[in-house]
Amino acid sequence: SQALRIHNSLVALRKVCKRYEYKAREERGPLNMVVDQFFPLLLPLAQRLIHPNEHSLEAAMTLKQILKIFWSSTQFFLPSSAANATALSLTHPQTMQPWFIILEKALSKPLPEASTGLEPLNQPQSKDERES
């Protein structure tokens, strides 16, 4: 299916990003190219997946992979767009803001199991357990 192909592509992209996430700034050239090439494609996909009516488990898993790619690419350094002078780099607030909105909405989004009326799998059941 198309969803499975997208998910598998994101898993492969995550592996590439993970390979360079702990490298020094000078050694992160391939990761910067990944950010330049794929973040403009990942952003609209993530924006579609955080829609309140999107409750499928496939959507949640795809969004999780996108956020893991974002994390691996930005946790130590914000990549610059040296290869693409016309694009704004992630160091520019206008470019970073949509990603923070995605993070905020993803954190407030109910788990996929909530749309089925079932309790989330392997999650604390009581409010006290969840807040501890």
N, C-alpha and C. Protein backbone atom coordinates (compact mmCIF):
# COMPACT_ATOMS: atom_id res chain seq x y z
N SER A 1 0.83 -1.19 0.00
CA SER A 1 0.00 0.00 0.00
C SER A 1 0.87 1.25 0.00
N GLN A 2 0.27 2.37 -0.34
CA GLN A 2 1.00 3.63 -0.39
C GLN A 2 1.49 4.04 1.00
N ALA A 3 0.66 3.85 2.03
CA ALA A 3 1.04 4.22 3.39
C ALA A 3 2.25 3.42 3.86
N LEU A 4 2.30 2.15 3.52
CA LEU A 4 3.43 1.30 3.91
C LEU A 4 4.70 1.74 3.19
N ARG A 5 4.60 2.09 1.92
CA ARG A 5 5.78 2.56 1.19
C ARG A 5 6.31 3.87 1.77
N ILE A 6 5.41 4.77 2.11
CA ILE A 6 5.83 6.04 2.72
C ILE A 6 6.50 5.77 4.06
N HIS A 7 5.89 4.93 4.87
CA HIS A 7 6.46 4.60 6.18
C HIS A 7 7.85 3.99 6.03
N ASN A 8 8.00 3.04 5.13
CA ASN A 8 9.30 2.40 4.93
C ASN A 8 10.34 3.39 4.40
N SER A 9 9.92 4.30 3.55
CA SER A 9 10.84 5.34 3.06
C SER A 9 11.29 6.23 4.21
N LEU A 10 10.37 6.56 5.11
CA LEU A 10 10.73 7.38 6.26
C LEU A 10 11.66 6.64 7.22
N VAL A 11 11.47 5.34 7.37
CA VAL A 11 12.37 4.55 8.21
C VAL A 11 13.78 4.59 7.62
N ALA A 12 13.89 4.45 6.30
CA ALA A 12 15.21 4.50 5.66
C ALA A 12 15.83 5.89 5.81
N LEU A 13 15.04 6.93 5.63
CA LEU A 13 15.53 8.29 5.80
C LEU A 13 15.98 8.53 7.23
N ARG A 14 15.27 7.98 8.17
CA ARG A 14 15.64 8.11 9.59
C ARG A 14 17.00 7.47 9.85
N LYS A 15 17.25 6.34 9.23
CA LYS A 15 18.55 5.67 9.40
C LYS A 15 19.69 6.54 8.86
N VAL A 16 19.47 7.20 7.74
CA VAL A 16 20.48 8.10 7.19
C VAL A 16 20.72 9.26 8.16
N CYS A 17 19.65 9.85 8.65
CA CYS A 17 19.79 10.97 9.59
C CYS A 17 20.48 10.53 10.87
N LYS A 18 20.13 9.36 11.36
CA LYS A 18 20.72 8.86 12.59
C LYS A 18 22.23 8.64 12.43
N ARG A 19 22.65 8.30 11.24
CA ARG A 19 24.07 8.07 10.97
C ARG A 19 24.90 9.34 11.20
N TYR A 20 24.30 10.50 10.96
CA TYR A 20 25.03 11.76 11.05
C TYR A 20 24.65 12.64 12.24
N GLU A 21 23.69 12.22 13.05
CA GLU A 21 23.18 13.11 14.09
C GLU A 21 24.22 13.49 15.14
N TYR A 22 25.18 12.64 15.43
CA TYR A 22 26.18 12.93 16.46
C TYR A 22 27.50 13.43 15.87
N LYS A 23 27.56 13.63 14.59
CA LYS A 23 28.78 14.11 13.94
C LYS A 23 29.00 15.59 14.25
N ALA A 24 30.25 16.00 14.15
CA ALA A 24 30.57 17.42 14.31
C ALA A 24 29.93 18.21 13.18
N ARG A 25 29.74 19.47 13.41
CA ARG A 25 29.09 20.34 12.42
C ARG A 25 29.74 20.23 11.04
N GLU A 26 31.07 20.14 11.02
CA GLU A 26 31.81 20.08 9.76
C GLU A 26 31.59 18.76 9.01
N GLU A 27 31.19 17.71 9.73
CA GLU A 27 31.01 16.38 9.12
C GLU A 27 29.55 16.07 8.80
N ARG A 28 28.67 17.04 8.94
CA ARG A 28 27.24 16.81 8.76
C ARG A 28 26.73 17.22 7.37
N GLY A 29 27.62 17.33 6.41
CA GLY A 29 27.23 17.75 5.06
C GLY A 29 26.09 16.92 4.47
N PRO A 30 26.19 15.58 4.49
CA PRO A 30 25.09 14.78 3.93
C PRO A 30 23.76 14.99 4.67
N LEU A 31 23.84 15.21 5.98
CA LEU A 31 22.61 15.45 6.74
C LEU A 31 22.00 16.79 6.34
N ASN A 32 22.83 17.79 6.13
CA ASN A 32 22.32 19.09 5.68
C ASN A 32 21.64 18.96 4.32
N MET A 33 22.18 18.13 3.45
CA MET A 33 21.55 17.91 2.14
C MET A 33 20.20 17.20 2.30
N VAL A 34 20.12 16.25 3.23
CA VAL A 34 18.85 15.58 3.51
C VAL A 34 17.81 16.59 3.96
N VAL A 35 18.22 17.48 4.88
CA VAL A 35 17.29 18.50 5.37
C VAL A 35 16.84 19.40 4.22
N ASP A 36 17.78 19.84 3.40
CA ASP A 36 17.43 20.70 2.27
C ASP A 36 16.47 20.03 1.30
N GLN A 37 16.67 18.74 1.05
CA GLN A 37 15.88 18.04 0.05
C GLN A 37 14.54 17.53 0.59
N PHE A 38 14.52 17.01 1.83
CA PHE A 38 13.35 16.29 2.30
C PHE A 38 12.46 17.07 3.26
N PHE A 39 12.99 18.01 4.01
CA PHE A 39 12.14 18.74 4.95
C PHE A 39 11.02 19.50 4.26
N PRO A 40 11.25 20.10 3.07
CA PRO A 40 10.12 20.74 2.39
C PRO A 40 9.02 19.74 1.99
N LEU A 41 9.36 18.46 1.84
CA LEU A 41 8.37 17.44 1.54
C LEU A 41 7.72 16.89 2.81
N LEU A 42 8.51 16.80 3.88
CA LEU A 42 8.01 16.23 5.13
C LEU A 42 7.06 17.19 5.85
N LEU A 43 7.31 18.49 5.73
CA LEU A 43 6.49 19.47 6.45
C LEU A 43 5.01 19.39 6.06
N PRO A 44 4.64 19.44 4.78
CA PRO A 44 3.21 19.35 4.46
C PRO A 44 2.60 18.00 4.83
N LEU A 45 3.39 16.94 4.74
CA LEU A 45 2.89 15.63 5.14
C LEU A 45 2.58 15.62 6.64
N ALA A 46 3.49 16.14 7.43
CA ALA A 46 3.27 16.21 8.88
C ALA A 46 2.08 17.11 9.20
N GLN A 47 1.94 18.21 8.50
CA GLN A 47 0.81 19.11 8.73
C GLN A 47 -0.52 18.42 8.43
N ARG A 48 -0.53 17.56 7.44
CA ARG A 48 -1.75 16.81 7.12
C ARG A 48 -2.03 15.75 8.18
N LEU A 49 -0.97 15.14 8.72
CA LEU A 49 -1.15 14.06 9.69
C LEU A 49 -1.56 14.55 11.08
N ILE A 50 -1.31 15.82 11.39
CA ILE A 50 -1.71 16.32 12.71
C ILE A 50 -3.14 16.85 12.71
N HIS A 51 -3.81 16.75 11.58
CA HIS A 51 -5.20 17.19 11.51
C HIS A 51 -6.02 16.44 12.56
N PRO A 52 -6.93 17.13 13.26
CA PRO A 52 -7.71 16.48 14.33
C PRO A 52 -8.53 15.28 13.88
N ASN A 53 -8.92 15.22 12.61
CA ASN A 53 -9.73 14.09 12.13
C ASN A 53 -8.89 12.91 11.68
N GLU A 54 -7.59 13.00 11.77
CA GLU A 54 -6.71 11.90 11.34
C GLU A 54 -6.37 11.05 12.56
N HIS A 55 -7.05 9.90 12.70
CA HIS A 55 -6.90 9.07 13.90
C HIS A 55 -6.30 7.70 13.63
N SER A 56 -5.90 7.42 12.42
CA SER A 56 -5.46 6.06 12.11
C SER A 56 -4.09 5.76 12.73
N LEU A 57 -3.87 4.51 12.99
CA LEU A 57 -2.59 4.08 13.54
C LEU A 57 -1.47 4.32 12.52
N GLU A 58 -1.76 4.15 11.22
CA GLU A 58 -0.77 4.40 10.18
C GLU A 58 -0.34 5.86 10.18
N ALA A 59 -1.30 6.75 10.35
CA ALA A 59 -0.97 8.18 10.40
C ALA A 59 -0.10 8.49 11.61
N ALA A 60 -0.41 7.88 12.74
CA ALA A 60 0.38 8.11 13.96
C ALA A 60 1.80 7.59 13.79
N MET A 61 1.96 6.43 13.18
CA MET A 61 3.30 5.86 12.99
C MET A 61 4.10 6.69 11.99
N THR A 62 3.45 7.19 10.96
CA THR A 62 4.13 8.04 9.97
C THR A 62 4.56 9.35 10.61
N LEU A 63 3.67 9.96 11.38
CA LEU A 63 4.02 11.21 12.08
C LEU A 63 5.17 10.98 13.06
N LYS A 64 5.15 9.87 13.73
CA LYS A 64 6.23 9.53 14.66
C LYS A 64 7.57 9.46 13.93
N GLN A 65 7.61 8.84 12.76
CA GLN A 65 8.86 8.75 12.00
C GLN A 65 9.32 10.14 11.54
N ILE A 66 8.39 10.97 11.11
CA ILE A 66 8.76 12.33 10.68
C ILE A 66 9.36 13.10 11.85
N LEU A 67 8.75 12.99 13.02
CA LEU A 67 9.28 13.69 14.19
C LEU A 67 10.62 13.13 14.64
N LYS A 68 10.84 11.85 14.46
CA LYS A 68 12.15 11.27 14.78
C LYS A 68 13.22 11.77 13.81
N ILE A 69 12.86 11.93 12.54
CA ILE A 69 13.79 12.48 11.55
C ILE A 69 14.12 13.93 11.93
N PHE A 70 13.08 14.68 12.29
CA PHE A 70 13.29 16.08 12.70
C PHE A 70 14.23 16.13 13.91
N TRP A 71 14.00 15.27 14.88
CA TRP A 71 14.84 15.23 16.10
C TRP A 71 16.28 14.90 15.75
N SER A 72 16.49 13.85 14.97
CA SER A 72 17.85 13.44 14.62
C SER A 72 18.60 14.51 13.84
N SER A 73 17.87 15.30 13.10
CA SER A 73 18.49 16.32 12.26
C SER A 73 18.77 17.62 13.00
N THR A 74 18.11 17.83 14.13
CA THR A 74 18.21 19.14 14.78
C THR A 74 18.63 19.12 16.24
N GLN A 75 18.84 17.96 16.83
CA GLN A 75 19.05 17.95 18.28
C GLN A 75 20.35 18.62 18.72
N PHE A 76 21.40 18.60 17.91
CA PHE A 76 22.66 19.23 18.31
C PHE A 76 22.97 20.50 17.54
N PHE A 77 22.62 20.53 16.27
CA PHE A 77 22.87 21.70 15.43
C PHE A 77 21.67 21.90 14.52
N LEU A 78 21.35 23.15 14.24
CA LEU A 78 20.33 23.44 13.23
C LEU A 78 21.04 23.49 11.89
N PRO A 79 20.68 22.59 10.98
CA PRO A 79 21.35 22.56 9.68
C PRO A 79 21.14 23.86 8.92
N SER A 80 22.19 24.28 8.24
CA SER A 80 22.08 25.48 7.40
C SER A 80 21.85 25.04 5.96
N SER A 81 21.24 25.90 5.20
CA SER A 81 20.93 25.61 3.80
C SER A 81 22.01 26.19 2.89
N ALA A 82 23.23 25.77 3.09
CA ALA A 82 24.32 26.30 2.27
C ALA A 82 24.19 25.87 0.82
N ALA A 83 23.64 24.69 0.59
CA ALA A 83 23.52 24.19 -0.78
C ALA A 83 22.41 24.91 -1.55
N ASN A 84 21.40 25.40 -0.84
CA ASN A 84 20.27 26.03 -1.49
C ASN A 84 20.13 27.45 -0.95
N ALA A 85 20.73 28.40 -1.63
CA ALA A 85 20.77 29.78 -1.14
C ALA A 85 19.40 30.44 -1.16
N THR A 86 18.46 29.94 -1.97
CA THR A 86 17.15 30.56 -2.04
C THR A 86 16.23 30.11 -0.91
N ALA A 87 16.53 28.98 -0.29
CA ALA A 87 15.69 28.46 0.79
C ALA A 87 16.14 29.04 2.13
N LEU A 88 15.16 29.23 3.01
CA LEU A 88 15.49 29.68 4.36
C LEU A 88 15.94 28.47 5.18
N SER A 89 17.00 28.64 5.94
CA SER A 89 17.48 27.54 6.76
C SER A 89 16.62 27.41 8.01
N LEU A 90 16.79 26.31 8.71
CA LEU A 90 16.03 26.09 9.94
C LEU A 90 16.43 27.07 11.03
N THR A 91 17.51 27.79 10.85
CA THR A 91 17.89 28.79 11.85
C THR A 91 17.01 30.03 11.75
N HIS A 92 16.25 30.14 10.69
CA HIS A 92 15.35 31.27 10.50
C HIS A 92 14.01 30.96 11.18
N PRO A 93 13.51 31.85 12.04
CA PRO A 93 12.25 31.58 12.76
C PRO A 93 11.06 31.27 11.85
N GLN A 94 11.00 31.90 10.70
CA GLN A 94 9.89 31.67 9.77
C GLN A 94 9.87 30.21 9.28
N THR A 95 11.03 29.61 9.18
CA THR A 95 11.12 28.22 8.73
C THR A 95 10.89 27.25 9.87
N MET A 96 11.34 27.60 11.07
CA MET A 96 11.23 26.70 12.22
C MET A 96 9.84 26.70 12.84
N GLN A 97 9.12 27.80 12.76
CA GLN A 97 7.82 27.90 13.42
C GLN A 97 6.83 26.81 13.03
N PRO A 98 6.67 26.46 11.75
CA PRO A 98 5.72 25.39 11.43
C PRO A 98 6.08 24.05 12.08
N TRP A 99 7.37 23.80 12.27
CA TRP A 99 7.78 22.56 12.92
C TRP A 99 7.38 22.57 14.40
N PHE A 100 7.49 23.71 15.05
CA PHE A 100 7.08 23.80 16.45
C PHE A 100 5.57 23.66 16.59
N ILE A 101 4.84 24.17 15.63
CA ILE A 101 3.38 24.00 15.65
C ILE A 101 3.03 22.52 15.51
N ILE A 102 3.74 21.82 14.64
CA ILE A 102 3.52 20.38 14.49
C ILE A 102 3.81 19.65 15.80
N LEU A 103 4.93 19.99 16.43
CA LEU A 103 5.27 19.37 17.71
C LEU A 103 4.20 19.63 18.76
N GLU A 104 3.73 20.87 18.84
CA GLU A 104 2.70 21.22 19.82
C GLU A 104 1.42 20.42 19.58
N LYS A 105 0.99 20.36 18.33
CA LYS A 105 -0.25 19.65 18.01
C LYS A 105 -0.09 18.14 18.18
N ALA A 106 1.09 17.62 17.88
CA ALA A 106 1.32 16.19 18.06
C ALA A 106 1.26 15.81 19.53
N LEU A 107 1.78 16.67 20.40
CA LEU A 107 1.76 16.39 21.83
C LEU A 107 0.35 16.46 22.41
N SER A 108 -0.50 17.28 21.83
CA SER A 108 -1.86 17.42 22.35
C SER A 108 -2.85 16.47 21.66
N LYS A 109 -2.41 15.79 20.64
CA LYS A 109 -3.29 14.90 19.88
C LYS A 109 -3.55 13.62 20.68
N PRO A 110 -4.79 13.15 20.71
CA PRO A 110 -5.06 11.89 21.43
C PRO A 110 -4.40 10.70 20.73
N LEU A 111 -4.12 9.69 21.49
CA LEU A 111 -3.53 8.48 20.92
C LEU A 111 -4.52 7.84 19.95
N PRO A 112 -4.03 7.10 18.95
CA PRO A 112 -4.93 6.51 17.95
C PRO A 112 -6.00 5.60 18.56
N GLU A 113 -5.66 4.94 19.67
CA GLU A 113 -6.63 4.05 20.30
C GLU A 113 -7.83 4.82 20.84
N ALA A 114 -7.64 6.11 21.16
CA ALA A 114 -8.73 6.90 21.73
C ALA A 114 -9.89 7.05 20.76
N SER A 115 -9.61 7.04 19.47
CA SER A 115 -10.68 7.19 18.48
C SER A 115 -11.55 5.94 18.40
N THR A 116 -11.04 4.81 18.90
CA THR A 116 -11.82 3.57 18.88
C THR A 116 -12.62 3.38 20.16
N GLY A 117 -12.37 4.22 21.16
CA GLY A 117 -13.05 4.07 22.45
C GLY A 117 -12.35 3.10 23.37
N LEU A 118 -11.25 2.49 22.92
CA LEU A 118 -10.50 1.55 23.75
C LEU A 118 -9.43 2.29 24.54
N GLU A 119 -9.02 1.69 25.63
CA GLU A 119 -7.92 2.26 26.41
C GLU A 119 -6.62 2.07 25.63
N PRO A 120 -5.70 3.02 25.72
CA PRO A 120 -4.40 2.88 25.04
C PRO A 120 -3.65 1.65 25.53
N LEU A 121 -3.03 0.95 24.60
CA LEU A 121 -2.28 -0.26 24.93
C LEU A 121 -1.01 0.08 25.69
N ASN A 122 -0.73 -0.68 26.73
CA ASN A 122 0.50 -0.55 27.51
C ASN A 122 0.73 0.84 28.07
N GLN A 123 -0.35 1.55 28.39
CA GLN A 123 -0.26 2.89 28.96
C GLN A 123 -0.89 2.88 30.35
N PRO A 124 -0.43 3.76 31.23
CA PRO A 124 -1.06 3.85 32.56
C PRO A 124 -2.54 4.19 32.44
N GLN A 125 -3.37 3.52 33.24
CA GLN A 125 -4.81 3.69 33.14
C GLN A 125 -5.32 4.85 33.98
N SER A 126 -4.77 5.04 35.18
CA SER A 126 -5.28 6.09 36.06
C SER A 126 -4.54 7.40 35.82
N LYS A 127 -5.21 8.49 36.17
CA LYS A 127 -4.62 9.81 36.01
C LYS A 127 -3.38 9.96 36.88
N ASP A 128 -3.40 9.39 38.09
CA ASP A 128 -2.25 9.47 38.99
C ASP A 128 -1.03 8.77 38.40
N GLU A 129 -1.24 7.61 37.78
CA GLU A 129 -0.12 6.88 37.15
C GLU A 129 0.45 7.66 35.98
N ARG A 130 -0.42 8.31 35.20
CA ARG A 130 0.04 9.07 34.04
C ARG A 130 0.82 10.30 34.44
N GLU A 131 0.49 10.90 35.57
CA GLU A 131 1.15 12.13 36.00
C GLU A 131 2.38 11.87 36.84
N SER A 132 2.66 10.63 37.19
CA SER A 132 3.84 10.36 38.02
C SER A 132 5.11 10.24 37.22
